[in-house]
Structures are given as structure tokens and as C-alpha cells.
Amino acid sequence: MEQVTPPSQFSYAYSLLQKSILLSLDDDLAIRDWIDDLINGDEAAATSAWRRQLSLSSHASSAKSAFLSVYNGVRARLLHLQPLSINY
């Protein structure tokens, strides 16, 4: 994704997409850490990982919504396309 250069009209949407992907990956890693900590019997670390995951999940959802809102605006303005609707 870092090697792709979006058209200038989509650059802000592209930066929001990058942010949402990175937050989603961090969210997935926190879930992995939570599972590993549970398997290893480390309750304190598991609780910490779960709290981190909840926060990251919230941030990732907000970032995805922000991206989709901006992207749909650009699509409508430049291409006269109907908005995309994605459930995550």
C-alpha cells in the first residue's frame, strides 16, 4: 500500500484508509496477545491485552467510518457514484 500513489483528489481518503488498516492490524495483534496470555495463564497480561484491544477496536471502527465518509464524498463529487455501504 505504501508503494501506491493515489490521485491527488483521493489523497486524504488514502491517508484515512492507511490509518484504518494500521489500527485494524494493531487490534488483531492485541487479540493475539490476549489469546496467548490466556493460554500462558497470565491473567494480568490478558486483562491488559483485552483492554488494549477494546480501545483499538473502537479507534479502528472510527477510522474506517471516517475513511468511508470521505471516500464516498469524493466518489460522489468526482464520479457521481452512489455511496458505498460497508458493515464492519
Protein backbone atom coordinates (compact mmCIF):
# COMPACT_ATOMS: atom_id res chain seq x y z
CA MET A 1 0.00 0.00 0.00
CA GLU A 2 2.90 2.34 0.67
CA GLN A 3 4.03 1.98 -2.94
CA VAL A 4 0.71 3.19 -4.35
CA THR A 5 0.26 6.86 -5.11
CA PRO A 6 -3.41 7.80 -5.21
CA PRO A 7 -4.81 10.53 -7.44
CA SER A 8 -4.50 13.85 -5.62
CA GLN A 9 -8.27 14.10 -5.15
CA PHE A 10 -8.16 10.87 -3.12
CA SER A 11 -5.02 11.61 -1.06
CA TYR A 12 -6.88 12.46 2.16
CA ALA A 13 -9.13 9.40 1.83
CA TYR A 14 -6.00 7.34 1.17
CA SER A 15 -4.34 8.58 4.37
CA LEU A 16 -7.50 7.68 6.31
CA LEU A 17 -7.50 4.22 4.72
CA GLN A 18 -3.88 3.68 5.76
CA LYS A 19 -4.71 4.72 9.32
CA SER A 20 -7.70 2.38 9.47
CA ILE A 21 -5.66 -0.55 8.20
CA LEU A 22 -2.87 0.03 10.73
CA LEU A 23 -5.34 0.35 13.60
CA SER A 24 -7.11 -2.82 12.47
CA LEU A 25 -3.81 -4.70 12.41
CA ASP A 26 -2.94 -3.42 15.89
CA ASP A 27 -6.39 -4.55 17.03
CA ASP A 28 -5.74 -8.04 15.62
CA LEU A 29 -2.36 -8.19 17.34
CA ALA A 30 -3.94 -7.24 20.67
CA ILE A 31 -6.40 -10.13 20.26
CA ARG A 32 -3.50 -12.46 19.52
CA ASP A 33 -1.71 -11.20 22.65
CA TRP A 34 -4.86 -11.72 24.72
CA ILE A 35 -5.20 -15.32 23.49
CA ASP A 36 -1.51 -16.03 24.10
CA ASP A 37 -1.71 -14.57 27.60
CA LEU A 38 -4.77 -16.69 28.40
CA ILE A 39 -3.04 -19.82 27.13
CA ASN A 40 0.01 -18.98 29.25
CA GLY A 41 -2.18 -18.37 32.30
CA ASP A 42 -1.12 -14.74 32.72
CA GLU A 43 -4.39 -13.15 33.85
CA ALA A 44 -2.94 -9.65 34.37
CA ALA A 45 -1.37 -9.54 30.91
CA ALA A 46 -4.56 -10.98 29.37
CA THR A 47 -6.66 -8.28 31.03
CA SER A 48 -4.28 -5.61 29.78
CA ALA A 49 -4.32 -7.00 26.24
CA TRP A 50 -8.12 -7.18 26.28
CA ARG A 51 -8.42 -3.55 27.39
CA ARG A 52 -5.94 -2.52 24.70
CA GLN A 53 -7.96 -4.47 22.12
CA LEU A 54 -11.22 -2.80 23.13
CA SER A 55 -9.66 0.63 22.75
CA LEU A 56 -8.02 -0.24 19.44
CA SER A 57 -11.24 -1.75 18.12
CA SER A 58 -13.10 1.46 18.87
CA HIS A 59 -10.41 3.57 17.20
CA ALA A 60 -10.28 1.24 14.18
CA SER A 61 -14.05 1.43 13.72
CA SER A 62 -13.96 5.22 13.90
CA ALA A 63 -11.10 5.34 11.40
CA LYS A 64 -12.96 3.05 8.99
CA SER A 65 -16.07 5.21 9.23
CA ALA A 66 -14.03 8.38 8.66
CA PHE A 67 -12.38 6.86 5.59
CA LEU A 68 -15.67 5.68 4.11
CA SER A 69 -17.33 9.04 4.67
CA VAL A 70 -14.52 10.96 2.95
CA TYR A 71 -14.18 8.37 0.18
CA ASN A 72 -17.90 8.41 -0.55
CA GLY A 73 -17.81 12.20 -0.71
CA VAL A 74 -15.02 12.16 -3.28
CA ARG A 75 -16.75 9.40 -5.29
CA ALA A 76 -19.97 11.40 -5.37
CA ARG A 77 -18.29 14.70 -6.25
CA LEU A 78 -15.90 13.43 -8.91
CA LEU A 79 -17.56 10.34 -10.31
CA HIS A 80 -21.23 10.92 -9.48
CA LEU A 81 -21.43 7.45 -7.92
CA GLN A 82 -23.72 6.35 -5.15
CA PRO A 83 -22.10 5.89 -1.73
CA LEU A 84 -20.73 2.54 -0.70
CA SER A 85 -22.15 0.99 2.43
CA ILE A 86 -19.93 -1.40 4.34
CA ASN A 87 -20.75 -3.22 7.56
CA TYR A 88 -17.79 -3.90 9.78
